[in-house]
Structure formats: structure tokens, C-alpha cells
């Protein structure tokens, strides 16, 4: 009898210990426990020490920390019919543990699937140049849509970042040719603007010289000085006609007088 009693006492102690172990739960600062009583939602508890009644009460742990999710590469056709592969990263966290457990079966998987479909839908409405140059605006647009859709699940989407936009080789070569043509166009415009400004300056200089004939003489002397400073064996210097016209007139006068005498 004593042996049977000892065995029963040992079994009772083991069952009591198991019952106590199943009743005591410890939640970290970043965790919350959603308590169900006979299948019905009762309360959200935590953090710290939590005591539940086994069998009649169940607890689901929910992590409140920010979750970083890699959105797999998605095939996207842009509005200008360019096929690209786009990948992104998503930052979200649970703000309402009750809705995260009750309103959706698996909030992690649901948020990931919604992020993939939203990424394809939003980027498909934009051209390739916008995907490459306006990522910040697209990130904000996608984040706002996801945050609105996941609010019913108690999820807060804090940030979305487009990581990569991959193109095929033919499209990369086409973009390189386009960029080169754009650079050539800008170079020609800059060159034309320089020629236009130079022509305006030359016109202004000609008008000044026309008003002051002495300025032309000074310019000749300056040009002669510049040429003399170089090691040239031959110097060709233009001589103004107004300087030699008196000499030409004096040289032709004797001949004219002789013709009149005849």
C-alpha cells in the first residue's frame, strides 16, 4: 500500500508540475500574448509573467518588433512596354495584436503577397525613366497603399524601398546610346550658345571701333606687338588704306598734270 501511495503521490506531483509549467508564461518586452478563453478572444496581456488556465485558455504570441521582408524580384512591364525585374524590401510591424491574430490567418505571408502584387501594379503604371529617376516618390506611393490595405490586419507599414531594377542587355545598350545622343545634343547646344555669345561680343566691338577710329589704330598696334612676341620669320600685317591713300593720290597727280598739258 505504501508503494502504491508513493507512486500515486509521484504522479500527482509530476502532473502538478506540468500543470504549473503550462500555466506560467513569460513574455519579453517586445512580445504580447493574445488570450482565448474556450475559443473566444478574451484579452491581450504582456509583457512579463502571465498565468493562464490550461485547456480552457490558449495564448498566441505576437512579436511587436519591426520586421524586414525581402520582396522577391517581380516581372514588371512598364507603361512604355519595357520588361524589367524589380525587387524591394519592406519594413512593417504589428500595432494591434488582436487584429493581427483574428483578422488574418498569417499576417506575415499576407503582407508579403500584398507587397508583391502592389509592386507590380504600381510600377506598371509608370515609365522606365520614372522607375530609375523617381524611386523616392514611387517608394512613398507603394508604402501608402500597403499601409492602407494592412490597417485592417493591425499592421503598420513604415517603409518600402525599391532595391534593384534589372534590365536585359539590349535595353542597357539602348539606354547607353540614348545617353550618348543626349550628351552630344547638349554639347552642340553649348557650342552654339558660345558661338552666339562670341558673335554678339564681336558685333559690340565693331560698333565701338566704328564710333572711334583711333581704336582701330590701337588694335593694329596691339596685334603687331603680339605677333612680334612670337618667333616668326615672316610677318604679314594688314595696312589700312586710309593711311596710304594720301601717298597714292600724290603719286598720281604728276601724271594727271602731264595729261592735261597734252
C-alpha atoms as a PDB file:
ATOM      1  CA  UNK A   1       0.000   0.000   0.000  1.00  0.00           C
ATOM      2  CA  UNK A   2       2.827   2.344   0.837  1.00  0.00           C
ATOM      3  CA  UNK A   3       4.425   1.715  -2.557  1.00  0.00           C
ATOM      4  CA  UNK A   4       1.170   2.370  -4.403  1.00  0.00           C
ATOM      5  CA  UNK A   5       0.615   5.532  -2.403  1.00  0.00           C
ATOM      6  CA  UNK A   6       4.124   6.710  -3.208  1.00  0.00           C
ATOM      7  CA  UNK A   7       3.598   6.088  -6.893  1.00  0.00           C
ATOM      8  CA  UNK A   8       0.316   7.982  -6.887  1.00  0.00           C
ATOM      9  CA  UNK A   9       1.927  10.848  -4.998  1.00  0.00           C
ATOM     10  CA  UNK A  10       4.766  10.961  -7.507  1.00  0.00           C
ATOM     11  CA  UNK A  11       2.305  11.009 -10.414  1.00  0.00           C
ATOM     12  CA  UNK A  12       0.334  13.788  -8.751  1.00  0.00           C
ATOM     13  CA  UNK A  13       3.471  15.839  -8.239  1.00  0.00           C
ATOM     14  CA  UNK A  14       4.502  15.356 -11.864  1.00  0.00           C
ATOM     15  CA  UNK A  15       1.041  16.331 -13.105  1.00  0.00           C
ATOM     16  CA  UNK A  16       1.011  19.348 -10.829  1.00  0.00           C
ATOM     17  CA  UNK A  17       4.415  20.415 -12.062  1.00  0.00           C
ATOM     18  CA  UNK A  18       3.319  20.020 -15.686  1.00  0.00           C
ATOM     19  CA  UNK A  19       0.166  21.988 -14.917  1.00  0.00           C
ATOM     20  CA  UNK A  20       2.163  24.801 -13.321  1.00  0.00           C
ATOM     21  CA  UNK A  21       4.628  24.827 -16.221  1.00  0.00           C
ATOM     22  CA  UNK A  22       1.761  25.041 -18.710  1.00  0.00           C
ATOM     23  CA  UNK A  23       0.126  27.819 -16.708  1.00  0.00           C
ATOM     24  CA  UNK A  24       3.124  30.133 -16.407  1.00  0.00           C
ATOM     25  CA  UNK A  25       4.206  32.123 -19.468  1.00  0.00           C
ATOM     26  CA  UNK A  26       6.903  34.788 -19.679  1.00  0.00           C
ATOM     27  CA  UNK A  27       6.670  37.424 -22.382  1.00  0.00           C
ATOM     28  CA  UNK A  28       9.540  39.697 -23.370  1.00  0.00           C
ATOM     29  CA  UNK A  29       9.187  43.465 -23.610  1.00  0.00           C
ATOM     30  CA  UNK A  30       8.622  43.265 -27.378  1.00  0.00           C
ATOM     31  CA  UNK A  31       6.014  40.461 -27.120  1.00  0.00           C
ATOM     32  CA  UNK A  32       2.306  40.365 -26.397  1.00  0.00           C
ATOM     33  CA  UNK A  33       0.036  37.406 -25.672  1.00  0.00           C
ATOM     34  CA  UNK A  34      -3.433  37.152 -27.221  1.00  0.00           C
ATOM     35  CA  UNK A  35      -5.533  35.117 -24.770  1.00  0.00           C
ATOM     36  CA  UNK A  36      -8.505  32.999 -25.886  1.00  0.00           C
ATOM     37  CA  UNK A  37     -10.994  31.513 -23.386  1.00  0.00           C
ATOM     38  CA  UNK A  38     -12.732  28.435 -24.772  1.00  0.00           C
ATOM     39  CA  UNK A  39     -12.018  29.668 -28.286  1.00  0.00           C
ATOM     40  CA  UNK A  40     -13.253  33.212 -27.745  1.00  0.00           C
ATOM     41  CA  UNK A  41     -10.975  36.240 -27.596  1.00  0.00           C
ATOM     42  CA  UNK A  42     -10.546  37.405 -24.016  1.00  0.00           C
ATOM     43  CA  UNK A  43      -7.661  39.876 -23.598  1.00  0.00           C
ATOM     44  CA  UNK A  44      -4.189  40.901 -24.719  1.00  0.00           C
ATOM     45  CA  UNK A  45      -1.553  40.527 -21.983  1.00  0.00           C
ATOM     46  CA  UNK A  46       2.121  41.243 -21.535  1.00  0.00           C
ATOM     47  CA  UNK A  47       4.933  41.805 -21.183  1.00  0.00           C
ATOM     48  CA  UNK A  48       6.141  39.959 -18.089  1.00  0.00           C
ATOM     49  CA  UNK A  49       4.792  36.956 -16.201  1.00  0.00           C
ATOM     50  CA  UNK A  50       1.454  35.621 -17.491  1.00  0.00           C
ATOM     51  CA  UNK A  51      -0.637  32.897 -15.824  1.00  0.00           C
ATOM     52  CA  UNK A  52      -3.267  31.071 -17.862  1.00  0.00           C
ATOM     53  CA  UNK A  53      -5.587  28.204 -17.124  1.00  0.00           C
ATOM     54  CA  UNK A  54      -4.534  25.141 -19.167  1.00  0.00           C
ATOM     55  CA  UNK A  55      -7.046  23.518 -21.510  1.00  0.00           C
ATOM     56  CA  UNK A  56      -9.640  26.303 -21.189  1.00  0.00           C
ATOM     57  CA  UNK A  57      -7.264  29.149 -22.105  1.00  0.00           C
ATOM     58  CA  UNK A  58      -4.888  29.412 -25.064  1.00  0.00           C
ATOM     59  CA  UNK A  59      -2.288  32.047 -25.787  1.00  0.00           C
ATOM     60  CA  UNK A  60      -0.803  33.195 -29.108  1.00  0.00           C
ATOM     61  CA  UNK A  61       2.484  35.128 -29.006  1.00  0.00           C
ATOM     62  CA  UNK A  62       2.846  38.208 -31.203  1.00  0.00           C
ATOM     63  CA  UNK A  63       6.175  39.962 -31.882  1.00  0.00           C
ATOM     64  CA  UNK A  64       5.867  43.764 -31.980  1.00  0.00           C
ATOM     65  CA  UNK A  65       9.326  44.462 -33.414  1.00  0.00           C
ATOM     66  CA  UNK A  66       9.804  45.817 -36.940  1.00  0.00           C
ATOM     67  CA  UNK A  67      10.020  43.004 -39.480  1.00  0.00           C
ATOM     68  CA  UNK A  68      12.295  43.324 -42.521  1.00  0.00           C
ATOM     69  CA  UNK A  69      10.932  41.418 -45.518  1.00  0.00           C
ATOM     70  CA  UNK A  70      12.642  40.952 -48.869  1.00  0.00           C
ATOM     71  CA  UNK A  71      10.118  41.186 -51.688  1.00  0.00           C
ATOM     72  CA  UNK A  72      11.252  38.720 -54.394  1.00  0.00           C
ATOM     73  CA  UNK A  73      12.111  40.006 -57.857  1.00  0.00           C
ATOM     74  CA  UNK A  74       8.936  40.716 -59.815  1.00  0.00           C
ATOM     75  CA  UNK A  75       8.463  40.821 -63.596  1.00  0.00           C
ATOM     76  CA  UNK A  76       7.049  44.236 -64.438  1.00  0.00           C
ATOM     77  CA  UNK A  77       6.055  45.696 -67.814  1.00  0.00           C
ATOM     78  CA  UNK A  78       6.298  49.475 -67.663  1.00  0.00           C
ATOM     79  CA  UNK A  79       3.864  51.871 -69.299  1.00  0.00           C
ATOM     80  CA  UNK A  80       6.272  52.300 -72.234  1.00  0.00           C
ATOM     81  CA  UNK A  81       6.317  48.479 -72.776  1.00  0.00           C
ATOM     82  CA  UNK A  82       9.732  47.752 -71.249  1.00  0.00           C
ATOM     83  CA  UNK A  83      10.111  44.449 -69.394  1.00  0.00           C
ATOM     84  CA  UNK A  84      12.115  44.749 -66.154  1.00  0.00           C
ATOM     85  CA  UNK A  85      12.687  42.782 -62.958  1.00  0.00           C
ATOM     86  CA  UNK A  86      12.157  44.768 -59.770  1.00  0.00           C
ATOM     87  CA  UNK A  87      12.979  43.743 -56.203  1.00  0.00           C
ATOM     88  CA  UNK A  88      12.236  45.635 -52.999  1.00  0.00           C
ATOM     89  CA  UNK A  89      12.474  45.495 -49.214  1.00  0.00           C
ATOM     90  CA  UNK A  90       9.544  46.058 -46.841  1.00  0.00           C
ATOM     91  CA  UNK A  91       9.562  47.272 -43.224  1.00  0.00           C
ATOM     92  CA  UNK A  92       6.443  46.658 -41.126  1.00  0.00           C
ATOM     93  CA  UNK A  93       5.351  45.815 -37.587  1.00  0.00           C
ATOM     94  CA  UNK A  94       2.265  44.709 -35.641  1.00  0.00           C
ATOM     95  CA  UNK A  95       0.496  47.569 -33.853  1.00  0.00           C
ATOM     96  CA  UNK A  96      -2.690  45.684 -32.881  1.00  0.00           C
ATOM     97  CA  UNK A  97      -2.030  42.066 -31.801  1.00  0.00           C
ATOM     98  CA  UNK A  98      -5.737  41.262 -31.558  1.00  0.00           C
ATOM     99  CA  UNK A  99      -6.484  42.088 -35.213  1.00  0.00           C
ATOM    100  CA  UNK A 100      -3.193  40.548 -36.391  1.00  0.00           C
ATOM    101  CA  UNK A 101      -4.288  37.183 -34.974  1.00  0.00           C
ATOM    102  CA  UNK A 102      -8.035  37.308 -35.568  1.00  0.00           C
ATOM    103  CA  UNK A 103      -8.446  39.181 -38.862  1.00  0.00           C
ATOM    104  CA  UNK A 104      -5.894  37.246 -40.937  1.00  0.00           C
ATOM    105  CA  UNK A 105      -4.601  33.688 -40.801  1.00  0.00           C
ATOM    106  CA  UNK A 106      -0.906  34.545 -41.320  1.00  0.00           C
ATOM    107  CA  UNK A 107      -0.177  38.267 -41.298  1.00  0.00           C
ATOM    108  CA  UNK A 108       3.436  37.756 -42.399  1.00  0.00           C
ATOM    109  CA  UNK A 109       2.537  35.786 -45.544  1.00  0.00           C
ATOM    110  CA  UNK A 110      -0.446  38.023 -46.301  1.00  0.00           C
ATOM    111  CA  UNK A 111       1.653  41.186 -46.113  1.00  0.00           C
ATOM    112  CA  UNK A 112       4.325  39.647 -48.352  1.00  0.00           C
ATOM    113  CA  UNK A 113       1.840  38.627 -51.041  1.00  0.00           C
ATOM    114  CA  UNK A 114       0.154  42.020 -50.943  1.00  0.00           C
ATOM    115  CA  UNK A 115       3.542  43.731 -51.313  1.00  0.00           C
ATOM    116  CA  UNK A 116       4.338  41.709 -54.456  1.00  0.00           C
ATOM    117  CA  UNK A 117       1.050  42.447 -56.195  1.00  0.00           C
ATOM    118  CA  UNK A 118       1.156  46.138 -55.227  1.00  0.00           C
ATOM    119  CA  UNK A 119       4.729  46.456 -56.519  1.00  0.00           C
ATOM    120  CA  UNK A 120       3.740  45.076 -59.927  1.00  0.00           C
ATOM    121  CA  UNK A 121       0.564  47.148 -60.099  1.00  0.00           C
ATOM    122  CA  UNK A 122       2.127  50.489 -59.174  1.00  0.00           C
ATOM    123  CA  UNK A 123       5.306  50.210 -61.244  1.00  0.00           C
ATOM    124  CA  UNK A 124       3.326  49.044 -64.270  1.00  0.00           C
ATOM    125  CA  UNK A 125       1.679  52.475 -64.346  1.00  0.00           C
ATOM    126  CA  UNK A 126       4.986  54.312 -64.774  1.00  0.00           C
ATOM    127  CA  UNK A 127       7.617  54.540 -67.489  1.00  0.00           C
ATOM    128  CA  UNK A 128      11.135  53.165 -67.192  1.00  0.00           C
ATOM    129  CA  UNK A 129      12.697  56.615 -66.749  1.00  0.00           C
ATOM    130  CA  UNK A 130      10.445  57.233 -63.734  1.00  0.00           C
ATOM    131  CA  UNK A 131      11.446  53.905 -62.169  1.00  0.00           C
ATOM    132  CA  UNK A 132      15.121  54.819 -62.475  1.00  0.00           C
ATOM    133  CA  UNK A 133      14.966  58.517 -61.556  1.00  0.00           C
ATOM    134  CA  UNK A 134      11.996  58.848 -59.175  1.00  0.00           C
ATOM    135  CA  UNK A 135      12.399  55.942 -56.775  1.00  0.00           C
ATOM    136  CA  UNK A 136      11.700  58.014 -53.690  1.00  0.00           C
ATOM    137  CA  UNK A 137       8.281  59.079 -54.970  1.00  0.00           C
ATOM    138  CA  UNK A 138       7.428  55.504 -56.018  1.00  0.00           C
ATOM    139  CA  UNK A 139       8.556  54.163 -52.636  1.00  0.00           C
ATOM    140  CA  UNK A 140       6.228  56.573 -50.866  1.00  0.00           C
ATOM    141  CA  UNK A 141       3.327  55.688 -53.181  1.00  0.00           C
ATOM    142  CA  UNK A 142       3.719  51.945 -52.598  1.00  0.00           C
ATOM    143  CA  UNK A 143       4.142  52.436 -48.850  1.00  0.00           C
ATOM    144  CA  UNK A 144       0.915  54.459 -48.596  1.00  0.00           C
ATOM    145  CA  UNK A 145      -1.070  51.807 -50.475  1.00  0.00           C
ATOM    146  CA  UNK A 146       0.279  48.937 -48.352  1.00  0.00           C
ATOM    147  CA  UNK A 147      -0.247  50.849 -45.117  1.00  0.00           C
ATOM    148  CA  UNK A 148      -3.890  51.492 -46.019  1.00  0.00           C
ATOM    149  CA  UNK A 149      -4.567  47.885 -47.055  1.00  0.00           C
ATOM    150  CA  UNK A 150      -2.908  46.284 -43.998  1.00  0.00           C
ATOM    151  CA  UNK A 151      -4.507  48.605 -41.444  1.00  0.00           C
ATOM    152  CA  UNK A 152      -7.439  46.161 -41.064  1.00  0.00           C
ATOM    153  CA  UNK A 153      -4.909  43.479 -40.015  1.00  0.00           C
ATOM    154  CA  UNK A 154      -3.326  45.658 -37.324  1.00  0.00           C
ATOM    155  CA  UNK A 155      -0.162  46.080 -39.416  1.00  0.00           C
ATOM    156  CA  UNK A 156       1.796  49.316 -39.872  1.00  0.00           C
ATOM    157  CA  UNK A 157       3.969  49.509 -42.996  1.00  0.00           C
ATOM    158  CA  UNK A 158       6.647  52.048 -42.118  1.00  0.00           C
ATOM    159  CA  UNK A 159       8.851  51.962 -45.212  1.00  0.00           C
ATOM    160  CA  UNK A 160       9.252  50.474 -48.683  1.00  0.00           C
ATOM    161  CA  UNK A 161      12.489  50.634 -50.670  1.00  0.00           C
ATOM    162  CA  UNK A 162      12.981  49.550 -54.286  1.00  0.00           C
ATOM    163  CA  UNK A 163      16.336  47.766 -54.260  1.00  0.00           C
ATOM    164  CA  UNK A 164      17.049  46.872 -57.879  1.00  0.00           C
ATOM    165  CA  UNK A 165      15.642  47.453 -61.350  1.00  0.00           C
ATOM    166  CA  UNK A 166      17.229  44.882 -63.683  1.00  0.00           C
ATOM    167  CA  UNK A 167      17.178  45.313 -67.470  1.00  0.00           C
ATOM    168  CA  UNK A 168      18.174  42.950 -70.260  1.00  0.00           C
ATOM    169  CA  UNK A 169      21.342  43.595 -72.285  1.00  0.00           C
ATOM    170  CA  UNK A 170      19.563  45.031 -75.322  1.00  0.00           C
ATOM    171  CA  UNK A 171      17.770  47.615 -73.217  1.00  0.00           C
ATOM    172  CA  UNK A 172      21.007  48.563 -71.432  1.00  0.00           C
ATOM    173  CA  UNK A 173      22.675  49.176 -74.806  1.00  0.00           C
ATOM    174  CA  UNK A 174      19.694  51.234 -75.985  1.00  0.00           C
ATOM    175  CA  UNK A 175      19.838  53.385 -72.846  1.00  0.00           C
ATOM    176  CA  UNK A 176      23.587  53.869 -73.336  1.00  0.00           C
ATOM    177  CA  UNK A 177      23.018  55.044 -76.921  1.00  0.00           C
ATOM    178  CA  UNK A 178      20.273  57.375 -75.748  1.00  0.00           C
ATOM    179  CA  UNK A 179      22.530  58.842 -73.060  1.00  0.00           C
ATOM    180  CA  UNK A 180      25.336  59.351 -75.585  1.00  0.00           C
ATOM    181  CA  UNK A 181      22.982  61.105 -78.008  1.00  0.00           C
ATOM    182  CA  UNK A 182      21.752  63.327 -75.186  1.00  0.00           C
ATOM    183  CA  UNK A 183      25.328  64.294 -74.293  1.00  0.00           C
ATOM    184  CA  UNK A 184      26.087  65.131 -77.934  1.00  0.00           C
ATOM    185  CA  UNK A 185      22.942  67.237 -78.140  1.00  0.00           C
ATOM    186  CA  UNK A 186      23.921  69.206 -75.051  1.00  0.00           C
ATOM    187  CA  UNK A 187      27.461  69.682 -76.365  1.00  0.00           C
ATOM    188  CA  UNK A 188      26.145  71.093 -79.630  1.00  0.00           C
ATOM    189  CA  UNK A 189      23.774  73.423 -77.799  1.00  0.00           C
ATOM    190  CA  UNK A 190      26.585  74.687 -75.569  1.00  0.00           C
ATOM    191  CA  UNK A 191      28.839  75.190 -78.604  1.00  0.00           C
ATOM    192  CA  UNK A 192      26.108  77.084 -80.455  1.00  0.00           C
ATOM    193  CA  UNK A 193      25.468  79.287 -77.423  1.00  0.00           C
ATOM    194  CA  UNK A 194      29.190  80.023 -77.218  1.00  0.00           C
ATOM    195  CA  UNK A 195      29.303  80.992 -80.897  1.00  0.00           C
ATOM    196  CA  UNK A 196      26.246  83.196 -80.442  1.00  0.00           C
ATOM    197  CA  UNK A 197      27.770  84.999 -77.464  1.00  0.00           C
ATOM    198  CA  UNK A 198      31.075  85.422 -79.306  1.00  0.00           C
ATOM    199  CA  UNK A 199      29.254  86.910 -82.307  1.00  0.00           C
ATOM    200  CA  UNK A 200      27.446  89.372 -80.029  1.00  0.00           C
ATOM    201  CA  UNK A 201      30.745  90.452 -78.467  1.00  0.00           C
ATOM    202  CA  UNK A 202      32.339  90.880 -81.896  1.00  0.00           C
ATOM    203  CA  UNK A 203      29.380  92.991 -83.023  1.00  0.00           C
ATOM    204  CA  UNK A 204      29.720  95.198 -79.945  1.00  0.00           C
ATOM    205  CA  UNK A 205      33.464  95.581 -80.567  1.00  0.00           C
ATOM    206  CA  UNK A 206      32.858  96.524 -84.227  1.00  0.00           C
ATOM    207  CA  UNK A 207      30.328  99.158 -83.193  1.00  0.00           C
ATOM    208  CA  UNK A 208      32.779 100.669 -80.711  1.00  0.00           C
ATOM    209  CA  UNK A 209      35.573 100.753 -83.307  1.00  0.00           C
ATOM    210  CA  UNK A 210      33.216 102.306 -85.842  1.00  0.00           C
ATOM    211  CA  UNK A 211      32.442 105.165 -83.430  1.00  0.00           C
ATOM    212  CA  UNK A 212      36.138 105.676 -82.523  1.00  0.00           C
ATOM    213  CA  UNK A 213      38.523 105.222 -85.498  1.00  0.00           C
ATOM    214  CA  UNK A 214      41.518 105.638 -83.170  1.00  0.00           C
ATOM    215  CA  UNK A 215      40.546 102.377 -81.532  1.00  0.00           C
ATOM    216  CA  UNK A 216      41.254 100.567 -84.808  1.00  0.00           C
ATOM    217  CA  UNK A 217      44.784 102.009 -84.899  1.00  0.00           C
ATOM    218  CA  UNK A 218      45.374 100.884 -81.305  1.00  0.00           C
ATOM    219  CA  UNK A 219      44.113  97.439 -82.201  1.00  0.00           C
ATOM    220  CA  UNK A 220      46.572  97.249 -85.100  1.00  0.00           C
ATOM    221  CA  UNK A 221      49.425  98.216 -82.819  1.00  0.00           C
ATOM    222  CA  UNK A 222      48.367  95.634 -80.248  1.00  0.00           C
ATOM    223  CA  UNK A 223      48.228  92.937 -82.900  1.00  0.00           C
ATOM    224  CA  UNK A 224      51.693  93.897 -84.112  1.00  0.00           C
ATOM    225  CA  UNK A 225      53.019  93.662 -80.567  1.00  0.00           C
ATOM    226  CA  UNK A 226      51.509  90.202 -80.119  1.00  0.00           C
ATOM    227  CA  UNK A 227      52.988  88.951 -83.379  1.00  0.00           C
ATOM    228  CA  UNK A 228      56.435  90.355 -82.557  1.00  0.00           C
ATOM    229  CA  UNK A 229      56.423  88.460 -79.262  1.00  0.00           C
ATOM    230  CA  UNK A 230      56.348  85.153 -81.155  1.00  0.00           C
ATOM    231  CA  UNK A 231      59.298  83.577 -83.010  1.00  0.00           C
ATOM    232  CA  UNK A 232      58.024  84.161 -86.541  1.00  0.00           C
ATOM    233  CA  UNK A 233      60.268  84.595 -89.574  1.00  0.00           C
ATOM    234  CA  UNK A 234      57.553  86.162 -91.695  1.00  0.00           C
ATOM    235  CA  UNK A 235      55.000  88.688 -90.512  1.00  0.00           C
ATOM    236  CA  UNK A 236      52.033  89.635 -92.677  1.00  0.00           C
ATOM    237  CA  UNK A 237      50.467  92.794 -91.272  1.00  0.00           C
ATOM    238  CA  UNK A 238      47.429  94.457 -92.841  1.00  0.00           C
ATOM    239  CA  UNK A 239      47.916  98.140 -93.641  1.00  0.00           C
ATOM    240  CA  UNK A 240      44.843 100.361 -93.527  1.00  0.00           C
ATOM    241  CA  UNK A 241      44.028 102.070 -96.815  1.00  0.00           C
ATOM    242  CA  UNK A 242      43.324 105.382 -95.129  1.00  0.00           C
ATOM    243  CA  UNK A 243      46.996 105.549 -94.179  1.00  0.00           C
ATOM    244  CA  UNK A 244      48.373 105.114 -97.726  1.00  0.00           C
ATOM    245  CA  UNK A 245      45.608 106.821 -99.692  1.00  0.00           C
ATOM    246  CA  UNK A 246      47.306 110.276 -99.430  1.00  0.00           C
ATOM    247  CA  UNK A 247      50.520 108.789-100.845  1.00  0.00           C
ATOM    248  CA  UNK A 248      48.641 107.210-103.737  1.00  0.00           C
ATOM    249  CA  UNK A 249      46.886 110.463-104.525  1.00  0.00           C
ATOM    250  CA  UNK A 250      50.144 112.434-104.532  1.00  0.00           C
ATOM    251  CA  UNK A 251      51.757 109.840-106.789  1.00  0.00           C
ATOM    252  CA  UNK A 252      49.013 110.073-109.383  1.00  0.00           C
ATOM    253  CA  UNK A 253      48.895 113.891-109.557  1.00  0.00           C
ATOM    254  CA  UNK A 254      52.027 114.445-111.811  1.00  0.00           C
ATOM    255  CA  UNK A 255      50.674 112.055-114.376  1.00  0.00           C
ATOM    256  CA  UNK A 256      47.340 113.804-114.433  1.00  0.00           C
ATOM    257  CA  UNK A 257      49.031 117.211-114.949  1.00  0.00           C
ATOM    258  CA  UNK A 258      51.020 115.898-117.884  1.00  0.00           C
ATOM    259  CA  UNK A 259      47.879 114.552-119.487  1.00  0.00           C
ATOM    260  CA  UNK A 260      46.185 117.913-119.137  1.00  0.00           C
ATOM    261  CA  UNK A 261      49.170 119.673-120.806  1.00  0.00           C
ATOM    262  CA  UNK A 262      48.872 117.457-123.839  1.00  0.00           C
END
